[in-house]
Amino acid sequence: VNRIFQKREIANNSFFLNDELIDLNNMIDIPIFVIEGKNDDISAPGQCLAAFDILKNLNDKFKFSYLHPKAGHYGIFSGKAWRNNIRPKFLNFISQHND
């Protein structure tokens, strides 16, 4: 919470892992899949899409997103919406980009 949300290390591209800068500008061809729920009351829809703005050099063909019309914050990765709708899309994304 401190590093990600309070210090905003990822948003400021100053995130270190094991004393090494994880330079987000180097991400140019890594597929990213943003999943959001329209009824999310913790991370409002569109908030997670900001990840694409942070990844300035990521080619658009590697940016994927899905907004589930009925899922809330916890429903994105649990329950009926996850099992029936989101999980299949997520597994398909992994299968398509598993090289």
Protein backbone atom coordinates (compact mmCIF):
# COMPACT_ATOMS: atom_id res chain seq x y z
CA VAL A 1 0.00 0.00 0.00
CA ASN A 2 2.77 2.43 0.93
CA ARG A 3 4.89 1.93 -2.17
CA ILE A 4 2.13 1.48 -4.76
CA PHE A 5 -0.61 3.84 -3.57
CA GLN A 6 1.01 6.36 -1.23
CA LYS A 7 4.44 6.80 -2.82
CA ARG A 8 3.05 6.05 -6.31
CA GLU A 9 6.26 4.26 -7.32
CA ILE A 10 4.72 2.50 -10.31
CA ALA A 11 2.92 5.62 -11.54
CA ASN A 12 6.19 7.56 -11.27
CA ASN A 13 8.24 4.75 -12.86
CA SER A 14 10.43 4.53 -9.76
CA PHE A 15 9.56 0.99 -8.63
CA PHE A 16 12.55 -1.08 -7.49
CA LEU A 17 12.59 -4.83 -6.96
CA ASN A 18 15.67 -6.37 -5.32
CA ASP A 19 17.48 -3.04 -5.73
CA GLU A 20 16.82 -2.99 -9.48
CA LEU A 21 14.61 -0.42 -11.19
CA ILE A 22 11.72 -2.01 -13.06
CA ASP A 23 11.71 0.48 -15.92
CA LEU A 24 8.21 0.44 -17.38
CA ASN A 25 9.48 2.27 -20.46
CA ASN A 26 11.18 -0.99 -21.47
CA MET A 27 7.84 -2.77 -21.77
CA ILE A 28 7.16 -2.69 -25.50
CA ASP A 29 5.88 -6.15 -26.42
CA ILE A 30 4.40 -7.75 -23.31
CA PRO A 31 0.67 -8.45 -23.59
CA ILE A 32 -1.34 -6.77 -20.81
CA PHE A 33 -4.95 -7.66 -20.01
CA VAL A 34 -6.88 -5.22 -17.81
CA ILE A 35 -10.05 -6.65 -16.28
CA GLU A 36 -12.60 -4.39 -14.62
CA GLY A 37 -16.09 -4.66 -13.21
CA LYS A 38 -18.71 -2.04 -14.03
CA ASN A 39 -20.08 -2.25 -10.46
CA ASP A 40 -16.68 -1.99 -8.76
CA ASP A 41 -17.03 0.40 -5.83
CA ILE A 42 -13.32 0.26 -4.86
CA SER A 43 -11.54 0.65 -8.22
CA ALA A 44 -13.97 2.53 -10.43
CA PRO A 45 -14.18 1.44 -14.07
CA GLY A 46 -11.46 3.12 -16.09
CA GLN A 47 -9.09 3.41 -13.15
CA CYS A 48 -7.20 0.24 -14.07
CA LEU A 49 -7.02 1.32 -17.71
CA ALA A 50 -4.62 4.00 -16.52
CA ALA A 51 -2.01 1.22 -16.61
CA PHE A 52 -1.93 1.68 -20.37
CA ASP A 53 -1.01 5.35 -19.92
CA ILE A 54 1.88 4.40 -17.60
CA LEU A 55 3.21 1.90 -20.15
CA LYS A 56 4.09 4.64 -22.62
CA ASN A 57 6.13 2.48 -25.01
CA LEU A 58 3.84 -0.55 -25.04
CA ASN A 59 2.58 -1.15 -28.55
CA ASP A 60 -1.22 -0.85 -28.77
CA LYS A 61 -1.50 -4.34 -30.22
CA PHE A 62 -0.46 -5.69 -26.79
CA LYS A 63 -3.14 -3.80 -24.84
CA PHE A 64 -6.29 -5.74 -24.02
CA SER A 65 -9.16 -4.94 -21.69
CA TYR A 66 -12.50 -6.32 -20.59
CA LEU A 67 -15.23 -4.58 -18.60
CA HIS A 68 -17.73 -7.01 -17.10
CA PRO A 69 -21.16 -5.33 -16.98
CA LYS A 70 -22.28 -6.84 -13.65
CA ALA A 71 -19.15 -7.64 -11.63
CA GLY A 72 -18.06 -5.66 -8.59
CA HIS A 73 -14.61 -5.50 -7.02
CA TYR A 74 -14.62 -9.02 -5.59
CA GLY A 75 -16.75 -10.50 -8.35
CA ILE A 76 -14.03 -9.87 -10.91
CA PHE A 77 -12.04 -12.85 -9.61
CA SER A 78 -14.62 -14.89 -7.70
CA GLY A 79 -18.15 -16.14 -8.06
CA LYS A 80 -20.43 -16.62 -11.02
CA ALA A 81 -19.16 -13.71 -13.15
CA TRP A 82 -15.59 -14.99 -12.76
CA ARG A 83 -16.43 -18.62 -13.51
CA ASN A 84 -18.80 -18.09 -16.40
CA ASN A 85 -17.52 -14.99 -18.17
CA ILE A 86 -14.24 -13.54 -16.98
CA ARG A 87 -12.17 -16.69 -16.37
CA PRO A 88 -12.74 -18.05 -19.91
CA LYS A 89 -11.64 -14.72 -21.40
CA PHE A 90 -8.61 -14.65 -19.11
CA LEU A 91 -7.59 -18.23 -19.97
CA ASN A 92 -8.08 -17.49 -23.67
CA PHE A 93 -5.82 -14.44 -23.33
CA ILE A 94 -3.13 -16.58 -21.69
CA SER A 95 -3.44 -19.25 -24.39
CA GLN A 96 -3.18 -16.72 -27.21
CA HIS A 97 -0.06 -15.09 -25.74
CA ASN A 98 1.75 -18.09 -24.30
CA ASP A 99 4.92 -17.97 -26.34
